[in-house]
Amino acid sequence: MRLFASLGGMDVPYRQIRAAYTDDSITVYQAYDAAIAGPAVAAQRFVAPFKLGGRGACGRERPAARGAALSPA
Protein backbone atom coordinates (compact mmCIF):
# COMPACT_ATOMS: atom_id res chain seq x y z
CA MET A 1 0.00 0.00 0.00
CA ARG A 2 1.26 3.48 -0.87
CA LEU A 3 1.44 5.85 2.08
CA PHE A 4 2.14 9.04 0.11
CA ALA A 5 1.28 10.38 -3.33
CA SER A 6 3.05 13.10 -5.26
CA LEU A 7 0.89 16.15 -5.94
CA GLY A 8 2.56 19.08 -7.67
CA GLY A 9 5.95 18.06 -6.33
CA MET A 10 4.65 17.70 -2.75
CA ASP A 11 4.25 14.42 -0.92
CA VAL A 12 0.77 14.19 0.57
CA PRO A 13 -0.67 11.32 2.61
CA TYR A 14 -2.47 8.77 0.45
CA ARG A 15 -5.34 8.81 2.94
CA GLN A 16 -6.15 11.87 4.97
CA ILE A 17 -9.03 13.54 6.73
CA ARG A 18 -10.05 16.92 5.32
CA ALA A 19 -12.30 19.11 7.38
CA ALA A 20 -13.24 22.71 8.04
CA TYR A 21 -14.66 24.12 11.24
CA THR A 22 -16.15 27.22 12.79
CA ASP A 23 -17.40 27.95 16.29
CA ASP A 24 -20.77 26.51 15.25
CA SER A 25 -20.06 23.59 12.92
CA ILE A 26 -17.63 20.99 11.63
CA THR A 27 -17.66 19.87 7.99
CA VAL A 28 -15.80 16.67 7.13
CA TYR A 29 -15.16 16.06 3.45
CA GLN A 30 -15.68 12.57 2.03
CA ALA A 31 -14.45 11.48 -1.39
CA TYR A 32 -16.76 9.33 -3.49
CA ASP A 33 -16.28 7.44 -6.72
CA ALA A 34 -17.33 9.45 -9.81
CA ALA A 35 -20.29 7.07 -10.34
CA ILE A 36 -21.70 8.24 -6.98
CA ALA A 37 -20.41 11.82 -6.89
CA GLY A 38 -21.63 12.91 -10.35
CA PRO A 39 -25.32 12.06 -9.86
CA ALA A 40 -25.22 13.36 -6.26
CA VAL A 41 -23.82 16.76 -7.22
CA ALA A 42 -26.30 17.06 -10.09
CA ALA A 43 -29.24 16.26 -7.79
CA GLN A 44 -27.76 18.12 -4.76
CA ARG A 45 -28.50 15.07 -2.62
CA PHE A 46 -27.43 11.44 -2.54
CA VAL A 47 -29.21 9.37 -5.18
CA ALA A 48 -28.64 5.91 -6.68
CA PRO A 49 -26.20 4.22 -6.84
CA PHE A 50 -25.44 5.62 -3.33
CA LYS A 51 -26.85 3.48 -0.51
CA LEU A 52 -27.36 4.55 3.09
CA GLY A 53 -25.76 2.40 5.74
CA GLY A 54 -23.11 0.00 4.64
CA ARG A 55 -19.72 -0.44 6.16
CA GLY A 56 -17.27 2.26 7.19
CA ALA A 57 -13.69 2.08 8.39
CA CYS A 58 -12.57 -1.22 9.92
CA GLY A 59 -15.76 -2.93 8.71
CA ARG A 60 -17.95 -1.39 11.42
CA GLU A 61 -21.46 -0.33 10.59
CA ARG A 62 -21.60 3.40 9.93
CA PRO A 63 -24.60 5.59 10.68
CA ALA A 64 -26.61 6.93 7.76
CA ALA A 65 -25.90 10.55 6.88
CA ARG A 66 -28.79 12.96 7.22
CA GLY A 67 -29.15 16.14 5.22
CA ALA A 68 -25.69 16.01 3.68
CA ALA A 69 -24.84 19.11 1.68
CA LEU A 70 -22.98 18.55 -1.58
CA SER A 71 -20.89 20.79 -3.79
CA PRO A 72 -18.72 20.13 -6.84
CA ALA A 73 -15.06 19.47 -6.05
PDB file of N, CA and C in Angstrom:
ATOM      1  N   MET A   1       0.838  -1.169   0.000  1.00  0.00           N
ATOM      2  CA  MET A   1       0.000   0.000   0.000  1.00  0.00           C
ATOM      3  C   MET A   1       0.890   1.241   0.000  1.00  0.00           C
ATOM      4  N   ARG A   2       0.535   2.216  -0.837  1.00  0.00           N
ATOM      5  CA  ARG A   2       1.264   3.477  -0.873  1.00  0.00           C
ATOM      6  C   ARG A   2       0.823   4.350   0.294  1.00  0.00           C
ATOM      7  N   LEU A   3       1.777   4.972   0.966  1.00  0.00           N
ATOM      8  CA  LEU A   3       1.444   5.848   2.078  1.00  0.00           C
ATOM      9  C   LEU A   3       1.376   7.310   1.650  1.00  0.00           C
ATOM     10  N   PHE A   4       2.116   7.666   0.591  1.00  0.00           N
ATOM     11  CA  PHE A   4       2.136   9.041   0.107  1.00  0.00           C
ATOM     12  C   PHE A   4       1.969   9.066  -1.394  1.00  0.00           C
ATOM     13  N   ALA A   5       1.410  10.155  -1.895  1.00  0.00           N
ATOM     14  CA  ALA A   5       1.283  10.377  -3.330  1.00  0.00           C
ATOM     15  C   ALA A   5       1.949  11.702  -3.647  1.00  0.00           C
ATOM     16  N   SER A   6       2.437  11.851  -4.856  1.00  0.00           N
ATOM     17  CA  SER A   6       3.053  13.104  -5.263  1.00  0.00           C
ATOM     18  C   SER A   6       1.996  13.987  -5.904  1.00  0.00           C
ATOM     19  N   LEU A   7       1.874  15.208  -5.428  1.00  0.00           N
ATOM     20  CA  LEU A   7       0.893  16.152  -5.937  1.00  0.00           C
ATOM     21  C   LEU A   7       1.598  17.481  -6.135  1.00  0.00           C
ATOM     22  N   GLY A   8       1.871  17.828  -7.391  1.00  0.00           N
ATOM     23  CA  GLY A   8       2.561  19.080  -7.669  1.00  0.00           C
ATOM     24  C   GLY A   8       3.920  19.174  -6.999  1.00  0.00           C
ATOM     25  N   GLY A   9       4.637  18.069  -6.935  1.00  0.00           N
ATOM     26  CA  GLY A   9       5.953  18.060  -6.325  1.00  0.00           C
ATOM     27  C   GLY A   9       5.935  17.904  -4.810  1.00  0.00           C
ATOM     28  N   MET A  10       4.744  17.872  -4.205  1.00  0.00           N
ATOM     29  CA  MET A  10       4.651  17.695  -2.753  1.00  0.00           C
ATOM     30  C   MET A  10       4.201  16.278  -2.453  1.00  0.00           C
ATOM     31  N   ASP A  11       4.732  15.717  -1.388  1.00  0.00           N
ATOM     32  CA  ASP A  11       4.254  14.417  -0.923  1.00  0.00           C
ATOM     33  C   ASP A  11       3.083  14.653   0.023  1.00  0.00           C
ATOM     34  N   VAL A  12       1.955  14.069  -0.289  1.00  0.00           N
ATOM     35  CA  VAL A  12       0.773  14.190   0.567  1.00  0.00           C
ATOM     36  C   VAL A  12       0.356  12.795   0.983  1.00  0.00           C
ATOM     37  N   PRO A  13      -0.222  12.649   2.178  1.00  0.00           N
ATOM     38  CA  PRO A  13      -0.667  11.325   2.606  1.00  0.00           C
ATOM     39  C   PRO A  13      -1.668  10.736   1.619  1.00  0.00           C
ATOM     40  N   TYR A  14      -1.546   9.436   1.361  1.00  0.00           N
ATOM     41  CA  TYR A  14      -2.475   8.769   0.450  1.00  0.00           C
ATOM     42  C   TYR A  14      -3.894   8.825   0.992  1.00  0.00           C
ATOM     43  N   ARG A  15      -4.036   8.684   2.288  1.00  0.00           N
ATOM     44  CA  ARG A  15      -5.336   8.810   2.942  1.00  0.00           C
ATOM     45  C   ARG A  15      -5.209   9.915   3.981  1.00  0.00           C
ATOM     46  N   GLN A  16      -6.175  10.794   3.994  1.00  0.00           N
ATOM     47  CA  GLN A  16      -6.149  11.866   4.967  1.00  0.00           C
ATOM     48  C   GLN A  16      -7.569  12.342   5.247  1.00  0.00           C
ATOM     49  N   ILE A  17      -7.738  12.977   6.379  1.00  0.00           N
ATOM     50  CA  ILE A  17      -9.033  13.544   6.731  1.00  0.00           C
ATOM     51  C   ILE A  17      -8.978  15.027   6.405  1.00  0.00           C
ATOM     52  N   ARG A  18      -9.947  15.493   5.636  1.00  0.00           N
ATOM     53  CA  ARG A  18     -10.045  16.918   5.316  1.00  0.00           C
ATOM     54  C   ARG A  18     -11.309  17.447   5.956  1.00  0.00           C
ATOM     55  N   ALA A  19     -11.161  18.540   6.667  1.00  0.00           N
ATOM     56  CA  ALA A  19     -12.297  19.106   7.380  1.00  0.00           C
ATOM     57  C   ALA A  19     -12.123  20.610   7.512  1.00  0.00           C
ATOM     58  N   ALA A  20     -13.227  21.280   7.742  1.00  0.00           N
ATOM     59  CA  ALA A  20     -13.242  22.709   8.036  1.00  0.00           C
ATOM     60  C   ALA A  20     -14.129  22.899   9.255  1.00  0.00           C
ATOM     61  N   TYR A  21     -13.835  23.921  10.051  1.00  0.00           N
ATOM     62  CA  TYR A  21     -14.659  24.123  11.235  1.00  0.00           C
ATOM     63  C   TYR A  21     -14.816  25.603  11.557  1.00  0.00           C
ATOM     64  N   THR A  22     -15.884  25.899  12.239  1.00  0.00           N
ATOM     65  CA  THR A  22     -16.149  27.221  12.793  1.00  0.00           C
ATOM     66  C   THR A  22     -16.547  27.020  14.246  1.00  0.00           C
ATOM     67  N   ASP A  23     -16.918  28.093  14.909  1.00  0.00           N
ATOM     68  CA  ASP A  23     -17.398  27.952  16.290  1.00  0.00           C
ATOM     69  C   ASP A  23     -18.699  27.166  16.363  1.00  0.00           C
ATOM     70  N   ASP A  24     -19.444  27.120  15.250  1.00  0.00           N
ATOM     71  CA  ASP A  24     -20.774  26.512  15.253  1.00  0.00           C
ATOM     72  C   ASP A  24     -20.882  25.173  14.539  1.00  0.00           C
ATOM     73  N   SER A  25     -19.904  24.817  13.700  1.00  0.00           N
ATOM     74  CA  SER A  25     -20.063  23.590  12.920  1.00  0.00           C
ATOM     75  C   SER A  25     -18.715  22.985  12.536  1.00  0.00           C
ATOM     76  N   ILE A  26     -18.777  21.717  12.175  1.00  0.00           N
ATOM     77  CA  ILE A  26     -17.633  20.991  11.634  1.00  0.00           C
ATOM     78  C   ILE A  26     -18.103  20.329  10.350  1.00  0.00           C
ATOM     79  N   THR A  27     -17.357  20.522   9.269  1.00  0.00           N
ATOM     80  CA  THR A  27     -17.662  19.874   7.992  1.00  0.00           C
ATOM     81  C   THR A  27     -16.512  18.948   7.650  1.00  0.00           C
ATOM     82  N   VAL A  28     -16.808  17.662   7.504  1.00  0.00           N
ATOM     83  CA  VAL A  28     -15.801  16.674   7.130  1.00  0.00           C
ATOM     84  C   VAL A  28     -16.068  16.290   5.686  1.00  0.00           C
ATOM     85  N   TYR A  29     -15.022  16.344   4.872  1.00  0.00           N
ATOM     86  CA  TYR A  29     -15.160  16.062   3.450  1.00  0.00           C
ATOM     87  C   TYR A  29     -14.905  14.592   3.177  1.00  0.00           C
ATOM     88  N   GLN A  30     -15.769  13.975   2.377  1.00  0.00           N
ATOM     89  CA  GLN A  30     -15.676  12.566   2.035  1.00  0.00           C
ATOM     90  C   GLN A  30     -15.581  12.438   0.524  1.00  0.00           C
ATOM     91  N   ALA A  31     -14.600  11.704   0.046  1.00  0.00           N
ATOM     92  CA  ALA A  31     -14.451  11.481  -1.390  1.00  0.00           C
ATOM     93  C   ALA A  31     -15.291  10.287  -1.815  1.00  0.00           C
ATOM     94  N   TYR A  32     -15.954  10.415  -2.941  1.00  0.00           N
ATOM     95  CA  TYR A  32     -16.756   9.332  -3.492  1.00  0.00           C
ATOM     96  C   TYR A  32     -16.323   9.054  -4.918  1.00  0.00           C
ATOM     97  N   ASP A  33     -16.518   7.831  -5.348  1.00  0.00           N
ATOM     98  CA  ASP A  33     -16.284   7.439  -6.724  1.00  0.00           C
ATOM     99  C   ASP A  33     -17.119   8.326  -7.650  1.00  0.00           C
ATOM    100  N   ALA A  34     -16.628   8.586  -8.844  1.00  0.00           N
ATOM    101  CA  ALA A  34     -17.335   9.448  -9.805  1.00  0.00           C
ATOM    102  C   ALA A  34     -18.746   8.941 -10.106  1.00  0.00           C
ATOM    103  N   ALA A  35     -18.958   7.624 -10.066  1.00  0.00           N
ATOM    104  CA  ALA A  35     -20.290   7.067 -10.339  1.00  0.00           C
ATOM    105  C   ALA A  35     -21.295   7.486  -9.265  1.00  0.00           C
ATOM    106  N   ILE A  36     -20.832   7.769  -8.055  1.00  0.00           N
ATOM    107  CA  ILE A  36     -21.703   8.237  -6.979  1.00  0.00           C
ATOM    108  C   ILE A  36     -21.705   9.760  -6.927  1.00  0.00           C
ATOM    109  N   ALA A  37     -20.532  10.363  -7.042  1.00  0.00           N
ATOM    110  CA  ALA A  37     -20.406  11.816  -6.890  1.00  0.00           C
ATOM    111  C   ALA A  37     -21.128  12.592  -7.986  1.00  0.00           C
ATOM    112  N   GLY A  38     -21.008  12.177  -9.242  1.00  0.00           N
ATOM    113  CA  GLY A  38     -21.631  12.906 -10.349  1.00  0.00           C
ATOM    114  C   GLY A  38     -23.131  13.056 -10.192  1.00  0.00           C
ATOM    115  N   PRO A  39     -23.873  11.954 -10.047  1.00  0.00           N
ATOM    116  CA  PRO A  39     -25.316  12.065  -9.857  1.00  0.00           C
ATOM    117  C   PRO A  39     -25.695  12.819  -8.573  1.00  0.00           C
ATOM    118  N   ALA A  40     -24.909  12.675  -7.515  1.00  0.00           N
ATOM    119  CA  ALA A  40     -25.221  13.356  -6.257  1.00  0.00           C
ATOM    120  C   ALA A  40     -25.068  14.868  -6.390  1.00  0.00           C
ATOM    121  N   VAL A  41     -24.009  15.318  -7.031  1.00  0.00           N
ATOM    122  CA  VAL A  41     -23.818  16.759  -7.220  1.00  0.00           C
ATOM    123  C   VAL A  41     -24.905  17.316  -8.117  1.00  0.00           C
ATOM    124  N   ALA A  42     -25.244  16.596  -9.178  1.00  0.00           N
ATOM    125  CA  ALA A  42     -26.298  17.063 -10.092  1.00  0.00           C
ATOM    126  C   ALA A  42     -27.646  17.194  -9.384  1.00  0.00           C
ATOM    127  N   ALA A  43     -27.955  16.256  -8.488  1.00  0.00           N
ATOM    128  CA  ALA A  43     -29.238  16.256  -7.788  1.00  0.00           C
ATOM    129  C   ALA A  43     -29.197  17.057  -6.484  1.00  0.00           C
ATOM    130  N   GLN A  44     -27.969  17.441  -6.039  1.00  0.00           N
ATOM    131  CA  GLN A  44     -27.759  18.124  -4.760  1.00  0.00           C
ATOM    132  C   GLN A  44     -28.246  17.315  -3.564  1.00  0.00           C
ATOM    133  N   ARG A  45     -28.208  16.005  -3.705  1.00  0.00           N
ATOM    134  CA  ARG A  45     -28.496  15.069  -2.619  1.00  0.00           C
ATOM    135  C   ARG A  45     -27.994  13.709  -3.078  1.00  0.00           C
ATOM    136  N   PHE A  46     -27.855  12.776  -2.145  1.00  0.00           N
ATOM    137  CA  PHE A  46     -27.429  11.441  -2.535  1.00  0.00           C
ATOM    138  C   PHE A  46     -28.566  10.715  -3.242  1.00  0.00           C
ATOM    139  N   VAL A  47     -28.258  10.153  -4.392  1.00  0.00           N
ATOM    140  CA  VAL A  47     -29.210   9.370  -5.185  1.00  0.00           C
ATOM    141  C   VAL A  47     -28.500   8.092  -5.617  1.00  0.00           C
ATOM    142  N   ALA A  48     -29.240   7.162  -6.207  1.00  0.00           N
ATOM    143  CA  ALA A  48     -28.640   5.910  -6.682  1.00  0.00           C
ATOM    144  C   ALA A  48     -27.466   6.245  -7.609  1.00  0.00           C
ATOM    145  N   PRO A  49     -26.393   5.514  -7.492  1.00  0.00           N
ATOM    146  CA  PRO A  49     -26.204   4.222  -6.839  1.00  0.00           C
ATOM    147  C   PRO A  49     -25.783   4.303  -5.366  1.00  0.00           C
ATOM    148  N   PHE A  50     -25.788   5.495  -4.747  1.00  0.00           N
ATOM    149  CA  PHE A  50     -25.444   5.616  -3.334  1.00  0.00           C
ATOM    150  C   PHE A  50     -26.458   4.874  -2.477  1.00  0.00           C
ATOM    151  N   LYS A  51     -25.969   4.200  -1.430  1.00  0.00           N
ATOM    152  CA  LYS A  51     -26.851   3.479  -0.507  1.00  0.00           C
ATOM    153  C   LYS A  51     -26.539   3.927   0.906  1.00  0.00           C
ATOM    154  N   LEU A  52     -27.560   4.210   1.689  1.00  0.00           N
ATOM    155  CA  LEU A  52     -27.359   4.553   3.092  1.00  0.00           C
ATOM    156  C   LEU A  52     -26.935   3.318   3.855  1.00  0.00           C
ATOM    157  N   GLY A  53     -26.225   3.528   4.944  1.00  0.00           N
ATOM    158  CA  GLY A  53     -25.756   2.404   5.740  1.00  0.00           C
ATOM    159  C   GLY A  53     -24.464   1.876   5.170  1.00  0.00           C
ATOM    160  N   GLY A  54     -24.321   0.604   5.175  1.00  0.00           N
ATOM    161  CA  GLY A  54     -23.107   0.002   4.636  1.00  0.00           C
ATOM    162  C   GLY A  54     -22.025  -0.086   5.685  1.00  0.00           C
ATOM    163  N   ARG A  55     -20.831  -0.263   5.242  1.00  0.00           N
ATOM    164  CA  ARG A  55     -19.716  -0.440   6.162  1.00  0.00           C
ATOM    165  C   ARG A  55     -18.738   0.711   6.027  1.00  0.00           C
ATOM    166  N   GLY A  56     -18.260   1.191   7.152  1.00  0.00           N
ATOM    167  CA  GLY A  56     -17.272   2.255   7.193  1.00  0.00           C
ATOM    168  C   GLY A  56     -15.896   1.688   7.477  1.00  0.00           C
ATOM    169  N   ALA A  57     -15.051   2.489   8.079  1.00  0.00           N
ATOM    170  CA  ALA A  57     -13.688   2.084   8.393  1.00  0.00           C
ATOM    171  C   ALA A  57     -13.691   0.860   9.312  1.00  0.00           C
ATOM    172  N   CYS A  58     -12.766  -0.001   9.108  1.00  0.00           N
ATOM    173  CA  CYS A  58     -12.575  -1.219   9.922  1.00  0.00           C
ATOM    174  C   CYS A  58     -13.763  -2.166   9.858  1.00  0.00           C
ATOM    175  N   GLY A  59     -14.648  -2.014   8.869  1.00  0.00           N
ATOM    176  CA  GLY A  59     -15.755  -2.929   8.708  1.00  0.00           C
ATOM    177  C   GLY A  59     -16.903  -2.724   9.676  1.00  0.00           C
ATOM    178  N   ARG A  60     -16.856  -1.657  10.489  1.00  0.00           N
ATOM    179  CA  ARG A  60     -17.948  -1.395  11.424  1.00  0.00           C
ATOM    180  C   ARG A  60     -19.103  -0.750  10.677  1.00  0.00           C
ATOM    181  N   GLU A  61     -20.297  -0.990  11.173  1.00  0.00           N
ATOM    182  CA  GLU A  61     -21.461  -0.327  10.591  1.00  0.00           C
ATOM    183  C   GLU A  61     -21.322   1.169  10.795  1.00  0.00           C
ATOM    184  N   ARG A  62     -21.657   1.952   9.777  1.00  0.00           N
ATOM    185  CA  ARG A  62     -21.604   3.396   9.933  1.00  0.00           C
ATOM    186  C   ARG A  62     -23.018   3.937   9.929  1.00  0.00           C
ATOM    187  N   PRO A  63     -23.256   5.012  10.660  1.00  0.00           N
ATOM    188  CA  PRO A  63     -24.595   5.593  10.684  1.00  0.00           C
ATOM    189  C   PRO A  63     -24.928   6.245   9.350  1.00  0.00           C
ATOM    190  N   ALA A  64     -26.174   6.277   8.995  1.00  0.00           N
ATOM    191  CA  ALA A  64     -26.610   6.927   7.758  1.00  0.00           C
ATOM    192  C   ALA A  64     -26.492   8.430   7.913  1.00  0.00           C
ATOM    193  N   ALA A  65     -26.007   9.086   6.865  1.00  0.00           N
ATOM    194  CA  ALA A  65     -25.900  10.547   6.881  1.00  0.00           C
ATOM    195  C   ALA A  65     -27.267  11.164   6.691  1.00  0.00           C
ATOM    196  N   ARG A  66     -27.518  12.260   7.355  1.00  0.00           N
ATOM    197  CA  ARG A  66     -28.793  12.958   7.221  1.00  0.00           C
ATOM    198  C   ARG A  66     -28.542  14.368   6.743  1.00  0.00           C
ATOM    199  N   GLY A  67     -29.222  14.771   5.691  1.00  0.00           N
ATOM    200  CA  GLY A  67     -29.150  16.144   5.221  1.00  0.00           C
ATOM    201  C   GLY A  67     -27.766  16.560   4.752  1.00  0.00           C
ATOM    202  N   ALA A  68     -27.032  15.668   4.139  1.00  0.00           N
ATOM    203  CA  ALA A  68     -25.688  16.005   3.680  1.00  0.00           C
ATOM    204  C   ALA A  68     -25.730  17.041   2.571  1.00  0.00           C
ATOM    205  N   ALA A  69     -24.917  18.081   2.712  1.00  0.00           N
ATOM    206  CA  ALA A  69     -24.841  19.110   1.678  1.00  0.00           C
ATOM    207  C   ALA A  69     -23.732  18.733   0.718  1.00  0.00           C
ATOM    208  N   LEU A  70     -23.956  18.934  -0.562  1.00  0.00           N
ATOM    209  CA  LEU A  70     -22.977  18.550  -1.576  1.00  0.00           C
ATOM    210  C   LEU A  70     -22.580  19.764  -2.404  1.00  0.00           C
ATOM    211  N   SER A  71     -21.343  19.762  -2.864  1.00  0.00           N
ATOM    212  CA  SER A  71     -20.887  20.795  -3.794  1.00  0.00           C
ATOM    213  C   SER A  71     -19.852  20.179  -4.703  1.00  0.00           C
ATOM    214  N   PRO A  72     -19.705  20.687  -5.926  1.00  0.00           N
ATOM    215  CA  PRO A  72     -18.719  20.127  -6.843  1.00  0.00           C
ATOM    216  C   PRO A  72     -17.313  20.329  -6.290  1.00  0.00           C
ATOM    217  N   ALA A  73     -16.443  19.381  -6.548  1.00  0.00           N
ATOM    218  CA  ALA A  73     -15.059  19.469  -6.046  1.00  0.00           C
ATOM    219  C   ALA A  73     -14.255  20.456  -6.847  1.00  0.00           C
TER     220      ALA A  73
END
